[in-house]
N, C-alpha and C. Protein backbone atom coordinates (compact mmCIF):
# COMPACT_ATOMS: atom_id res chain seq x y z
N MET A 1 148.61 -80.88 55.50
CA MET A 1 148.59 -81.96 56.46
C MET A 1 148.75 -83.30 55.76
N LYS A 2 149.25 -84.29 56.49
CA LYS A 2 149.39 -85.64 55.97
C LYS A 2 148.57 -86.60 56.84
N LEU A 3 148.08 -87.64 56.22
CA LEU A 3 147.30 -88.63 56.94
C LEU A 3 148.20 -89.78 57.36
N SER A 4 148.10 -90.19 58.62
CA SER A 4 148.89 -91.30 59.12
C SER A 4 148.38 -92.61 58.53
N LYS A 5 149.20 -93.66 58.63
CA LYS A 5 148.79 -94.97 58.15
C LYS A 5 147.54 -95.46 58.89
N GLU A 6 147.48 -95.15 60.19
CA GLU A 6 146.33 -95.56 60.99
C GLU A 6 145.05 -94.88 60.51
N THR A 7 145.14 -93.59 60.21
CA THR A 7 143.96 -92.86 59.74
C THR A 7 143.55 -93.33 58.36
N LEU A 8 144.51 -93.58 57.49
CA LEU A 8 144.20 -94.09 56.16
C LEU A 8 143.50 -95.45 56.26
N SER A 9 143.96 -96.28 57.18
CA SER A 9 143.34 -97.59 57.38
C SER A 9 141.89 -97.44 57.82
N LEU A 10 141.63 -96.48 58.71
CA LEU A 10 140.27 -96.22 59.17
C LEU A 10 139.39 -95.71 58.03
N VAL A 11 139.91 -94.78 57.24
CA VAL A 11 139.14 -94.22 56.13
C VAL A 11 138.81 -95.31 55.11
N LYS A 12 139.77 -96.19 54.84
CA LYS A 12 139.51 -97.30 53.92
C LYS A 12 138.43 -98.22 54.49
N ASN A 13 138.50 -98.48 55.79
CA ASN A 13 137.47 -99.30 56.42
C ASN A 13 136.11 -98.64 56.32
N PHE A 14 136.06 -97.33 56.55
CA PHE A 14 134.79 -96.60 56.46
C PHE A 14 134.22 -96.63 55.06
N SER A 15 135.10 -96.74 54.04
CA SER A 15 134.60 -96.78 52.66
C SER A 15 133.81 -98.05 52.39
N GLY A 16 134.01 -99.08 53.23
CA GLY A 16 133.22 -100.30 53.12
C GLY A 16 131.84 -100.17 53.74
N ILE A 17 131.64 -99.11 54.52
CA ILE A 17 130.35 -98.84 55.15
C ILE A 17 129.53 -97.87 54.31
N SER A 18 130.20 -96.84 53.80
CA SER A 18 129.52 -95.83 52.98
C SER A 18 130.48 -95.28 51.94
N SER A 19 129.96 -94.95 50.77
CA SER A 19 130.78 -94.34 49.72
C SER A 19 130.98 -92.85 49.96
N ASN A 20 130.23 -92.29 50.92
CA ASN A 20 130.36 -90.88 51.29
C ASN A 20 131.14 -90.74 52.58
N LEU A 21 131.78 -89.57 52.76
CA LEU A 21 132.40 -89.24 54.04
C LEU A 21 132.35 -87.73 54.22
N LEU A 22 131.80 -87.30 55.34
CA LEU A 22 131.78 -85.88 55.66
C LEU A 22 132.80 -85.63 56.76
N LEU A 23 133.93 -85.03 56.38
CA LEU A 23 134.94 -84.68 57.36
C LEU A 23 134.45 -83.47 58.14
N LYS A 24 134.50 -83.55 59.44
CA LYS A 24 134.12 -82.43 60.29
C LYS A 24 135.38 -81.72 60.78
N GLN A 25 135.27 -80.44 61.08
CA GLN A 25 136.40 -79.73 61.65
C GLN A 25 136.77 -80.38 62.99
N GLY A 26 138.03 -80.68 63.15
CA GLY A 26 138.47 -81.36 64.37
C GLY A 26 139.02 -82.74 64.07
N ASN A 27 139.01 -83.61 65.06
CA ASN A 27 139.68 -84.92 64.92
C ASN A 27 138.74 -86.11 65.02
N THR A 28 137.45 -85.89 64.79
CA THR A 28 136.48 -86.98 64.85
C THR A 28 136.10 -87.43 63.44
N LEU A 29 136.11 -88.74 63.24
CA LEU A 29 135.62 -89.33 61.99
C LEU A 29 134.40 -90.19 62.30
N ASN A 30 133.35 -90.03 61.51
CA ASN A 30 132.21 -90.94 61.67
C ASN A 30 131.52 -91.15 60.32
N THR A 31 130.81 -92.25 60.24
CA THR A 31 130.13 -92.60 58.99
C THR A 31 128.90 -93.42 59.30
N ILE A 32 128.02 -93.52 58.32
CA ILE A 32 126.81 -94.33 58.46
C ILE A 32 126.45 -94.89 57.09
N SER A 33 125.95 -96.11 57.08
CA SER A 33 125.60 -96.75 55.81
C SER A 33 124.34 -96.12 55.22
N ALA A 34 124.16 -96.31 53.92
CA ALA A 34 122.99 -95.75 53.24
C ALA A 34 121.69 -96.31 53.82
N GLN A 35 121.73 -97.56 54.31
CA GLN A 35 120.54 -98.19 54.89
C GLN A 35 120.33 -97.79 56.35
N LYS A 36 121.28 -97.01 56.91
CA LYS A 36 121.24 -96.54 58.31
C LYS A 36 121.31 -97.69 59.32
N ASN A 37 121.90 -98.83 58.90
CA ASN A 37 121.96 -99.97 59.81
C ASN A 37 123.36 -100.23 60.37
N VAL A 38 124.36 -99.48 59.91
CA VAL A 38 125.72 -99.56 60.45
C VAL A 38 126.26 -98.15 60.61
N MET A 39 126.82 -97.87 61.77
CA MET A 39 127.44 -96.57 62.02
C MET A 39 128.76 -96.80 62.72
N ALA A 40 129.74 -95.97 62.44
CA ALA A 40 131.05 -96.09 63.08
C ALA A 40 131.56 -94.71 63.44
N SER A 41 132.35 -94.66 64.51
CA SER A 41 132.89 -93.38 64.98
C SER A 41 134.23 -93.60 65.67
N THR A 42 135.14 -92.64 65.53
CA THR A 42 136.43 -92.70 66.20
C THR A 42 137.08 -91.32 66.16
N THR A 43 138.14 -91.15 66.93
CA THR A 43 138.97 -89.96 66.81
C THR A 43 140.31 -90.36 66.22
N VAL A 44 140.95 -89.41 65.55
CA VAL A 44 142.23 -89.67 64.90
C VAL A 44 143.27 -88.66 65.39
N SER A 45 144.51 -88.89 65.03
CA SER A 45 145.60 -88.02 65.50
C SER A 45 145.62 -86.68 64.78
N GLU A 46 145.07 -86.64 63.56
CA GLU A 46 145.05 -85.39 62.79
C GLU A 46 143.86 -84.53 63.20
N SER A 47 143.96 -83.25 62.94
CA SER A 47 142.84 -82.33 63.16
C SER A 47 142.53 -81.65 61.83
N PHE A 48 141.34 -81.91 61.31
CA PHE A 48 140.96 -81.34 60.02
C PHE A 48 140.57 -79.87 60.19
N PRO A 49 141.04 -79.02 59.30
CA PRO A 49 140.86 -77.57 59.48
C PRO A 49 139.45 -77.08 59.21
N GLN A 50 138.62 -77.88 58.53
CA GLN A 50 137.29 -77.41 58.14
C GLN A 50 136.42 -78.60 57.77
N GLU A 51 135.13 -78.33 57.61
CA GLU A 51 134.22 -79.36 57.10
C GLU A 51 134.50 -79.57 55.63
N PHE A 52 134.50 -80.84 55.20
CA PHE A 52 134.79 -81.15 53.81
C PHE A 52 134.05 -82.40 53.42
N GLY A 53 133.17 -82.31 52.42
CA GLY A 53 132.36 -83.44 51.98
C GLY A 53 133.01 -84.21 50.85
N ILE A 54 133.07 -85.53 50.99
CA ILE A 54 133.62 -86.41 49.95
C ILE A 54 132.49 -87.31 49.47
N TYR A 55 132.12 -87.16 48.21
CA TYR A 55 131.00 -87.94 47.66
C TYR A 55 131.43 -89.35 47.31
N ASP A 56 132.59 -89.49 46.65
CA ASP A 56 133.09 -90.81 46.25
C ASP A 56 134.38 -91.07 47.01
N LEU A 57 134.25 -91.77 48.14
CA LEU A 57 135.39 -91.98 49.02
C LEU A 57 136.45 -92.86 48.37
N ASN A 58 136.04 -93.85 47.58
CA ASN A 58 137.03 -94.69 46.91
C ASN A 58 137.83 -93.91 45.87
N GLU A 59 137.18 -92.96 45.22
CA GLU A 59 137.90 -92.11 44.26
C GLU A 59 138.93 -91.24 44.99
N PHE A 60 138.53 -90.72 46.15
CA PHE A 60 139.45 -89.91 46.96
C PHE A 60 140.65 -90.75 47.41
N LEU A 61 140.38 -91.97 47.89
CA LEU A 61 141.47 -92.85 48.31
C LEU A 61 142.36 -93.22 47.13
N GLY A 62 141.75 -93.43 45.97
CA GLY A 62 142.52 -93.73 44.77
C GLY A 62 143.45 -92.59 44.39
N ALA A 63 142.95 -91.35 44.55
CA ALA A 63 143.78 -90.19 44.25
C ALA A 63 144.99 -90.13 45.17
N LEU A 64 144.79 -90.49 46.43
CA LEU A 64 145.90 -90.48 47.38
C LEU A 64 146.97 -91.50 46.99
N THR A 65 146.56 -92.66 46.47
CA THR A 65 147.51 -93.71 46.12
C THR A 65 148.38 -93.35 44.91
N LEU A 66 148.00 -92.32 44.18
CA LEU A 66 148.79 -91.91 43.02
C LEU A 66 150.11 -91.25 43.43
N PHE A 67 150.19 -90.87 44.70
CA PHE A 67 151.40 -90.19 45.18
C PHE A 67 152.08 -91.02 46.26
N GLU A 68 153.39 -90.91 46.31
CA GLU A 68 154.15 -91.67 47.30
C GLU A 68 153.97 -91.12 48.70
N ASP A 69 153.95 -89.80 48.82
CA ASP A 69 153.84 -89.17 50.14
C ASP A 69 152.92 -87.95 50.04
N PRO A 70 151.60 -88.19 49.86
CA PRO A 70 150.68 -87.08 49.58
C PRO A 70 150.47 -86.15 50.78
N GLU A 71 150.32 -84.88 50.47
CA GLU A 71 149.99 -83.88 51.48
C GLU A 71 148.66 -83.24 51.08
N LEU A 72 147.83 -82.95 52.06
CA LEU A 72 146.51 -82.38 51.80
C LEU A 72 146.50 -80.91 52.20
N ASP A 73 146.12 -80.08 51.24
CA ASP A 73 146.01 -78.64 51.50
C ASP A 73 144.56 -78.24 51.26
N PHE A 74 143.79 -78.08 52.35
CA PHE A 74 142.37 -77.80 52.24
C PHE A 74 142.11 -76.33 51.92
N GLN A 75 141.25 -76.12 50.93
CA GLN A 75 140.78 -74.79 50.56
C GLN A 75 139.25 -74.75 50.77
N ASP A 76 138.62 -73.62 50.45
CA ASP A 76 137.19 -73.49 50.71
C ASP A 76 136.36 -74.55 50.00
N LYS A 77 136.64 -74.80 48.72
CA LYS A 77 135.80 -75.69 47.94
C LYS A 77 136.52 -76.92 47.41
N TYR A 78 137.77 -77.08 47.73
CA TYR A 78 138.53 -78.22 47.24
C TYR A 78 139.73 -78.48 48.15
N VAL A 79 140.35 -79.61 47.93
CA VAL A 79 141.60 -79.92 48.61
C VAL A 79 142.65 -80.24 47.55
N ASN A 80 143.83 -79.67 47.70
CA ASN A 80 144.94 -80.00 46.84
C ASN A 80 145.66 -81.21 47.41
N ILE A 81 145.69 -82.30 46.65
CA ILE A 81 146.46 -83.48 47.03
C ILE A 81 147.77 -83.38 46.27
N LYS A 82 148.86 -83.18 46.97
CA LYS A 82 150.10 -82.88 46.26
C LYS A 82 151.29 -83.65 46.82
N ASP A 83 152.26 -83.81 45.95
CA ASP A 83 153.52 -84.44 46.29
C ASP A 83 154.57 -83.83 45.38
N GLY A 84 155.40 -82.96 45.95
CA GLY A 84 156.36 -82.23 45.12
C GLY A 84 155.65 -81.29 44.18
N THR A 85 155.93 -81.39 42.89
CA THR A 85 155.32 -80.49 41.90
C THR A 85 154.04 -81.07 41.31
N ASN A 86 153.66 -82.27 41.72
CA ASN A 86 152.44 -82.91 41.22
C ASN A 86 151.29 -82.65 42.17
N SER A 87 150.11 -82.42 41.62
CA SER A 87 148.96 -82.19 42.49
C SER A 87 147.66 -82.56 41.78
N ILE A 88 146.66 -82.91 42.59
CA ILE A 88 145.30 -83.15 42.11
C ILE A 88 144.38 -82.23 42.90
N LYS A 89 143.51 -81.52 42.18
CA LYS A 89 142.51 -80.67 42.83
C LYS A 89 141.24 -81.50 42.97
N PHE A 90 140.88 -81.85 44.21
CA PHE A 90 139.74 -82.70 44.49
C PHE A 90 138.66 -81.84 45.14
N PHE A 91 137.53 -81.71 44.45
CA PHE A 91 136.50 -80.77 44.90
C PHE A 91 135.58 -81.39 45.96
N ALA A 92 135.17 -80.53 46.87
CA ALA A 92 134.26 -80.94 47.95
C ALA A 92 132.83 -81.09 47.42
N SER A 93 132.07 -81.93 48.07
CA SER A 93 130.65 -82.08 47.76
C SER A 93 129.82 -81.39 48.83
N ASP A 94 128.67 -80.90 48.43
CA ASP A 94 127.77 -80.27 49.38
C ASP A 94 127.28 -81.31 50.39
N PRO A 95 127.36 -81.00 51.67
CA PRO A 95 126.91 -81.96 52.70
C PRO A 95 125.49 -82.45 52.50
N SER A 96 124.65 -81.66 51.84
CA SER A 96 123.24 -82.02 51.67
C SER A 96 123.06 -83.24 50.77
N VAL A 97 124.07 -83.57 49.94
CA VAL A 97 123.94 -84.72 49.04
C VAL A 97 124.62 -85.97 49.61
N LEU A 98 125.18 -85.86 50.81
CA LEU A 98 125.91 -86.96 51.41
C LEU A 98 125.06 -87.70 52.44
N VAL A 99 125.32 -88.99 52.58
CA VAL A 99 124.75 -89.77 53.68
C VAL A 99 125.76 -89.69 54.82
N ALA A 100 125.41 -89.00 55.88
CA ALA A 100 126.33 -88.80 57.00
C ALA A 100 125.54 -88.78 58.30
N PRO A 101 126.16 -89.18 59.41
CA PRO A 101 125.47 -89.15 60.70
C PRO A 101 125.06 -87.72 61.05
N THR A 102 123.87 -87.57 61.60
CA THR A 102 123.38 -86.25 61.98
C THR A 102 123.42 -86.04 63.50
N LYS A 103 123.57 -87.14 64.26
CA LYS A 103 123.66 -87.02 65.71
C LYS A 103 124.36 -88.24 66.28
N GLU A 104 124.88 -88.08 67.48
CA GLU A 104 125.55 -89.19 68.14
C GLU A 104 124.51 -90.17 68.70
N ILE A 105 124.92 -91.43 68.79
CA ILE A 105 124.03 -92.45 69.36
C ILE A 105 124.24 -92.52 70.87
N THR A 106 123.15 -92.46 71.60
CA THR A 106 123.19 -92.71 73.04
C THR A 106 122.79 -94.16 73.24
N PHE A 107 123.79 -94.99 73.54
CA PHE A 107 123.52 -96.43 73.61
C PHE A 107 122.83 -96.78 74.93
N PRO A 108 121.72 -97.52 74.85
CA PRO A 108 120.98 -97.88 76.08
C PRO A 108 121.75 -98.93 76.88
N ASP A 109 121.30 -99.15 78.11
CA ASP A 109 121.92 -100.20 78.93
C ASP A 109 121.74 -101.54 78.24
N PRO A 110 122.83 -102.28 78.03
CA PRO A 110 122.73 -103.54 77.29
C PRO A 110 122.21 -104.69 78.14
N GLU A 111 121.50 -105.61 77.50
CA GLU A 111 121.05 -106.83 78.17
C GLU A 111 122.07 -107.96 77.99
N VAL A 112 122.91 -107.84 76.98
CA VAL A 112 123.91 -108.86 76.66
C VAL A 112 125.26 -108.18 76.45
N GLU A 113 126.31 -108.78 76.99
CA GLU A 113 127.65 -108.23 76.77
C GLU A 113 128.68 -109.36 76.83
N PHE A 114 129.65 -109.34 75.91
CA PHE A 114 130.69 -110.36 75.88
C PHE A 114 131.89 -109.82 75.10
N LYS A 115 133.02 -110.52 75.24
CA LYS A 115 134.24 -110.17 74.53
C LYS A 115 134.30 -110.97 73.23
N LEU A 116 134.69 -110.30 72.16
CA LEU A 116 134.86 -110.95 70.86
C LEU A 116 136.30 -110.73 70.41
N SER A 117 137.07 -111.81 70.35
CA SER A 117 138.48 -111.68 70.00
C SER A 117 138.66 -111.48 68.50
N GLU A 118 139.82 -110.96 68.14
CA GLU A 118 140.14 -110.76 66.72
C GLU A 118 140.09 -112.08 65.97
N LYS A 119 140.56 -113.16 66.62
CA LYS A 119 140.58 -114.48 65.99
C LYS A 119 139.17 -114.97 65.69
N VAL A 120 138.26 -114.82 66.66
CA VAL A 120 136.89 -115.27 66.45
C VAL A 120 136.18 -114.41 65.41
N LEU A 121 136.39 -113.10 65.45
CA LEU A 121 135.79 -112.22 64.44
C LEU A 121 136.23 -112.62 63.05
N SER A 122 137.52 -112.92 62.90
CA SER A 122 138.03 -113.36 61.60
C SER A 122 137.39 -114.67 61.17
N MET A 123 137.22 -115.60 62.12
CA MET A 123 136.59 -116.88 61.79
C MET A 123 135.14 -116.69 61.36
N ILE A 124 134.43 -115.79 62.02
CA ILE A 124 133.04 -115.51 61.65
C ILE A 124 132.97 -115.04 60.20
N GLN A 125 133.84 -114.10 59.85
CA GLN A 125 133.82 -113.54 58.50
C GLN A 125 134.27 -114.56 57.46
N ARG A 126 135.27 -115.37 57.82
CA ARG A 126 135.79 -116.36 56.87
C ARG A 126 134.82 -117.52 56.66
N THR A 127 134.26 -118.03 57.76
CA THR A 127 133.34 -119.16 57.62
C THR A 127 132.05 -118.73 56.91
N ALA A 128 131.63 -117.50 57.11
CA ALA A 128 130.44 -117.01 56.40
C ALA A 128 130.68 -117.04 54.90
N SER A 129 131.91 -116.70 54.50
CA SER A 129 132.25 -116.73 53.07
C SER A 129 132.31 -118.17 52.55
N VAL A 130 132.96 -119.05 53.32
CA VAL A 130 133.11 -120.44 52.89
C VAL A 130 131.76 -121.16 52.84
N LEU A 131 130.92 -120.93 53.86
CA LEU A 131 129.62 -121.60 53.93
C LEU A 131 128.53 -120.86 53.17
N ARG A 132 128.90 -119.72 52.59
CA ARG A 132 127.95 -118.88 51.86
C ARG A 132 126.76 -118.52 52.74
N SER A 133 127.05 -118.14 53.96
CA SER A 133 126.01 -117.80 54.93
C SER A 133 125.88 -116.29 55.04
N SER A 134 124.66 -115.82 55.08
CA SER A 134 124.43 -114.38 55.20
C SER A 134 124.04 -113.98 56.62
N ASP A 135 123.78 -114.97 57.48
CA ASP A 135 123.28 -114.68 58.82
C ASP A 135 124.30 -115.02 59.90
N VAL A 136 124.32 -114.22 60.94
CA VAL A 136 125.08 -114.53 62.15
C VAL A 136 124.16 -114.27 63.33
N SER A 137 124.14 -115.22 64.27
CA SER A 137 123.25 -115.10 65.43
C SER A 137 124.06 -115.18 66.72
N ILE A 138 123.71 -114.34 67.67
CA ILE A 138 124.26 -114.40 69.01
C ILE A 138 123.19 -115.06 69.87
N VAL A 139 123.51 -116.24 70.42
CA VAL A 139 122.50 -117.07 71.07
C VAL A 139 122.85 -117.28 72.54
N GLY A 140 121.89 -117.01 73.41
CA GLY A 140 122.03 -117.29 74.83
C GLY A 140 121.04 -118.38 75.23
N ASP A 141 121.53 -119.41 75.93
CA ASP A 141 120.65 -120.53 76.30
C ASP A 141 120.42 -120.62 77.81
N GLY A 142 120.69 -119.51 78.51
CA GLY A 142 120.52 -119.51 79.95
C GLY A 142 121.79 -119.82 80.71
N SER A 143 122.83 -120.27 79.99
CA SER A 143 124.11 -120.55 80.64
C SER A 143 125.31 -120.02 79.85
N LYS A 144 125.26 -120.16 78.53
CA LYS A 144 126.39 -119.70 77.72
C LYS A 144 125.91 -118.83 76.56
N VAL A 145 126.84 -118.03 76.06
CA VAL A 145 126.60 -117.20 74.87
C VAL A 145 127.42 -117.79 73.73
N SER A 146 126.77 -118.04 72.61
CA SER A 146 127.45 -118.59 71.43
C SER A 146 127.18 -117.70 70.22
N VAL A 147 128.12 -117.69 69.31
CA VAL A 147 127.92 -117.04 68.01
C VAL A 147 127.77 -118.14 66.97
N VAL A 148 126.71 -118.06 66.19
CA VAL A 148 126.41 -119.08 65.18
C VAL A 148 126.34 -118.42 63.81
N VAL A 149 127.10 -118.95 62.86
CA VAL A 149 127.06 -118.49 61.48
C VAL A 149 126.38 -119.57 60.65
N GLY A 150 125.32 -119.23 59.96
CA GLY A 150 124.59 -120.20 59.16
C GLY A 150 123.35 -119.57 58.56
N ASP A 151 122.42 -120.41 58.17
CA ASP A 151 121.14 -119.95 57.63
C ASP A 151 120.11 -120.05 58.75
N LYS A 152 119.69 -118.92 59.27
CA LYS A 152 118.79 -118.94 60.43
C LYS A 152 117.42 -119.55 60.11
N LYS A 153 117.09 -119.66 58.82
CA LYS A 153 115.79 -120.23 58.42
C LYS A 153 115.88 -121.71 58.06
N ASN A 154 117.09 -122.26 58.11
CA ASN A 154 117.28 -123.66 57.71
C ASN A 154 118.10 -124.39 58.77
N ALA A 155 117.44 -125.17 59.60
CA ALA A 155 118.10 -125.86 60.72
C ALA A 155 119.10 -126.92 60.25
N THR A 156 118.98 -127.39 59.00
CA THR A 156 119.88 -128.43 58.50
C THR A 156 121.01 -127.85 57.65
N ALA A 157 121.10 -126.53 57.56
CA ALA A 157 122.17 -125.90 56.78
C ALA A 157 123.49 -126.00 57.53
N ASN A 158 124.59 -126.02 56.80
CA ASN A 158 125.91 -126.04 57.42
C ASN A 158 126.09 -124.79 58.26
N SER A 159 126.73 -124.94 59.42
CA SER A 159 126.87 -123.79 60.31
C SER A 159 128.16 -123.88 61.12
N TYR A 160 128.58 -122.75 61.64
CA TYR A 160 129.75 -122.64 62.51
C TYR A 160 129.29 -122.07 63.83
N GLU A 161 129.80 -122.63 64.93
CA GLU A 161 129.40 -122.15 66.26
C GLU A 161 130.61 -122.05 67.16
N VAL A 162 130.66 -120.99 67.97
CA VAL A 162 131.75 -120.80 68.92
C VAL A 162 131.19 -120.17 70.20
N GLU A 163 131.62 -120.67 71.34
CA GLU A 163 131.19 -120.11 72.63
C GLU A 163 132.03 -118.88 72.95
N VAL A 164 131.36 -117.79 73.35
CA VAL A 164 132.08 -116.54 73.59
C VAL A 164 131.85 -115.95 74.99
N GLY A 165 130.97 -116.54 75.79
CA GLY A 165 130.72 -115.98 77.12
C GLY A 165 129.66 -116.75 77.87
N THR A 166 129.25 -116.20 79.00
CA THR A 166 128.22 -116.82 79.84
C THR A 166 127.05 -115.86 80.03
N THR A 167 125.89 -116.42 80.35
CA THR A 167 124.69 -115.60 80.54
C THR A 167 123.66 -116.38 81.35
N ASP A 168 122.79 -115.66 82.01
CA ASP A 168 121.65 -116.31 82.68
C ASP A 168 120.36 -116.02 81.93
N LYS A 169 120.49 -115.48 80.70
CA LYS A 169 119.33 -115.12 79.89
C LYS A 169 119.23 -116.02 78.66
N SER A 170 118.02 -116.04 78.07
CA SER A 170 117.79 -116.74 76.82
C SER A 170 117.44 -115.73 75.74
N PHE A 171 118.13 -115.80 74.63
CA PHE A 171 117.90 -114.84 73.53
C PHE A 171 118.50 -115.38 72.24
N LYS A 172 118.05 -114.81 71.15
CA LYS A 172 118.66 -115.06 69.85
C LYS A 172 118.68 -113.75 69.09
N VAL A 173 119.87 -113.21 68.93
CA VAL A 173 120.05 -111.91 68.28
C VAL A 173 120.59 -112.15 66.88
N ASN A 174 119.82 -111.77 65.88
CA ASN A 174 120.20 -112.01 64.50
C ASN A 174 120.76 -110.75 63.85
N MET A 175 121.82 -110.95 63.07
CA MET A 175 122.41 -109.87 62.29
C MET A 175 122.77 -110.40 60.91
N LYS A 176 123.08 -109.47 60.01
CA LYS A 176 123.58 -109.83 58.70
C LYS A 176 125.11 -109.79 58.73
N VAL A 177 125.74 -110.84 58.22
CA VAL A 177 127.20 -110.89 58.21
C VAL A 177 127.78 -109.69 57.46
N GLU A 178 127.09 -109.25 56.41
CA GLU A 178 127.58 -108.14 55.60
C GLU A 178 127.69 -106.84 56.39
N ASN A 179 127.03 -106.79 57.56
CA ASN A 179 127.10 -105.58 58.38
C ASN A 179 128.26 -105.60 59.38
N LEU A 180 128.97 -106.71 59.45
CA LEU A 180 130.12 -106.81 60.36
C LEU A 180 131.36 -106.33 59.61
N LYS A 181 131.50 -105.03 59.52
CA LYS A 181 132.54 -104.40 58.70
C LYS A 181 133.68 -103.85 59.56
N MET A 182 133.93 -104.47 60.71
CA MET A 182 134.91 -103.95 61.64
C MET A 182 136.35 -104.17 61.15
N LEU A 183 137.23 -103.26 61.55
CA LEU A 183 138.65 -103.50 61.39
C LEU A 183 139.04 -104.71 62.24
N PRO A 184 140.06 -105.46 61.85
CA PRO A 184 140.52 -106.56 62.69
C PRO A 184 140.90 -106.04 64.08
N GLY A 185 140.55 -106.82 65.11
CA GLY A 185 140.85 -106.41 66.48
C GLY A 185 139.95 -107.10 67.47
N ASP A 186 140.20 -106.83 68.75
CA ASP A 186 139.37 -107.34 69.83
C ASP A 186 138.28 -106.32 70.17
N TYR A 187 137.07 -106.82 70.44
CA TYR A 187 135.94 -105.92 70.70
C TYR A 187 135.14 -106.39 71.92
N THR A 188 134.55 -105.42 72.59
CA THR A 188 133.51 -105.71 73.57
C THR A 188 132.18 -105.50 72.87
N VAL A 189 131.37 -106.55 72.83
CA VAL A 189 130.09 -106.49 72.13
C VAL A 189 128.96 -106.33 73.15
N SER A 190 128.14 -105.32 72.94
CA SER A 190 126.97 -105.07 73.78
C SER A 190 125.73 -105.11 72.91
N VAL A 191 124.67 -105.71 73.44
CA VAL A 191 123.42 -105.84 72.69
C VAL A 191 122.27 -105.34 73.54
N SER A 192 121.41 -104.53 72.94
CA SER A 192 120.24 -104.01 73.63
C SER A 192 118.97 -104.53 72.97
N THR A 193 117.94 -104.69 73.78
CA THR A 193 116.64 -105.09 73.24
C THR A 193 116.03 -103.98 72.39
N LYS A 194 116.66 -102.81 72.38
CA LYS A 194 116.20 -101.70 71.53
C LYS A 194 116.60 -101.92 70.07
N LYS A 195 117.05 -103.14 69.75
CA LYS A 195 117.38 -103.54 68.37
C LYS A 195 118.67 -102.89 67.86
N ILE A 196 119.64 -102.76 68.76
CA ILE A 196 120.92 -102.20 68.36
C ILE A 196 122.04 -102.90 69.12
N SER A 197 123.19 -103.02 68.46
CA SER A 197 124.37 -103.60 69.10
C SER A 197 125.54 -102.64 68.96
N ARG A 198 126.52 -102.80 69.83
CA ARG A 198 127.71 -101.94 69.81
C ARG A 198 128.96 -102.83 69.88
N PHE A 199 129.89 -102.56 68.98
CA PHE A 199 131.18 -103.24 68.97
C PHE A 199 132.24 -102.19 69.31
N LYS A 200 132.77 -102.28 70.53
CA LYS A 200 133.72 -101.27 71.01
C LYS A 200 135.12 -101.86 71.01
N SER A 201 136.02 -101.21 70.26
CA SER A 201 137.38 -101.72 70.13
C SER A 201 138.12 -101.65 71.46
N SER A 202 139.03 -102.61 71.66
CA SER A 202 139.85 -102.61 72.87
C SER A 202 140.96 -101.57 72.80
N LYS A 203 141.16 -101.02 71.59
CA LYS A 203 142.20 -100.00 71.40
C LYS A 203 141.55 -98.68 70.97
N GLY A 204 141.86 -97.61 71.66
CA GLY A 204 141.31 -96.31 71.29
C GLY A 204 139.82 -96.24 71.53
N ASP A 205 139.17 -95.36 70.79
CA ASP A 205 137.72 -95.16 70.99
C ASP A 205 136.91 -95.53 69.76
N LEU A 206 137.46 -96.39 68.92
CA LEU A 206 136.73 -96.84 67.73
C LEU A 206 135.52 -97.66 68.16
N VAL A 207 134.36 -97.31 67.61
CA VAL A 207 133.14 -98.04 67.95
C VAL A 207 132.25 -98.16 66.72
N TYR A 208 131.63 -99.33 66.59
CA TYR A 208 130.67 -99.58 65.51
C TYR A 208 129.31 -99.89 66.15
N TYR A 209 128.26 -99.33 65.55
CA TYR A 209 126.90 -99.65 65.96
C TYR A 209 126.23 -100.41 64.81
N VAL A 210 125.66 -101.56 65.13
CA VAL A 210 125.04 -102.40 64.10
C VAL A 210 123.60 -102.71 64.51
N ALA A 211 122.68 -102.44 63.62
CA ALA A 211 121.28 -102.76 63.89
C ALA A 211 121.09 -104.27 63.91
N ILE A 212 120.22 -104.76 64.80
CA ILE A 212 119.91 -106.19 64.81
C ILE A 212 118.58 -106.41 64.11
N GLU A 213 118.40 -107.61 63.60
CA GLU A 213 117.24 -107.91 62.78
C GLU A 213 115.95 -107.95 63.62
N ALA A 214 114.84 -107.64 62.96
CA ALA A 214 113.54 -107.55 63.65
C ALA A 214 113.08 -108.88 64.24
N ASP A 215 113.59 -110.01 63.69
CA ASP A 215 113.15 -111.30 64.20
C ASP A 215 113.98 -111.79 65.38
N SER A 216 114.84 -110.92 65.93
CA SER A 216 115.59 -111.28 67.13
C SER A 216 114.63 -111.43 68.31
N THR A 217 114.97 -112.35 69.24
CA THR A 217 114.07 -112.62 70.37
C THR A 217 114.82 -112.55 71.70
N PHE A 218 114.15 -112.00 72.71
CA PHE A 218 114.66 -111.95 74.08
C PHE A 218 113.56 -112.50 75.00
N GLU A 219 113.91 -113.48 75.82
CA GLU A 219 112.92 -114.05 76.74
C GLU A 219 113.11 -113.50 78.14
């Protein structure tokens, strides 16, 4: 089998969440960070023939880049990555040593929901880097929803703010910028008082779940 450009892009994105990846039989890909605070799930066009554990996902991706048009031939304990007469035997890891999701998330009814465009998501990530900010807050003031990038503990720190929706509630939902590991795109963002948020892509069924910080407040 060969991996499409879209699937390779997803796998590369998942490598930013976890260095492990447990391929399941079928066409579902999912991952979870070592801290269990970011999870992502999607379906792909390929169907994997068996369960296959990858301990070092970046090493696996690096092996694929060594070939112009790699093909994957899965065996019981390894996969042959080959192109013509060249091949690499890449061995599977035991699932017990991998950090992988053990169950699907049942997302509760959200108290907050808004659209987040690809342009705004990019600005959040870029301004966080420029301003050296580690925090991002979703703030509701009873009329509008804003996203604020800055230092949540320092009111005089440089910050970026953008209005993203309307609300009749007051809240401040805090997250770490480093947990916003989404592929570029438009998302519907849902937030629950159960300390979890969901970023659902406007294309396909790609979804990210991001834990919100304990100091978040809902009035």
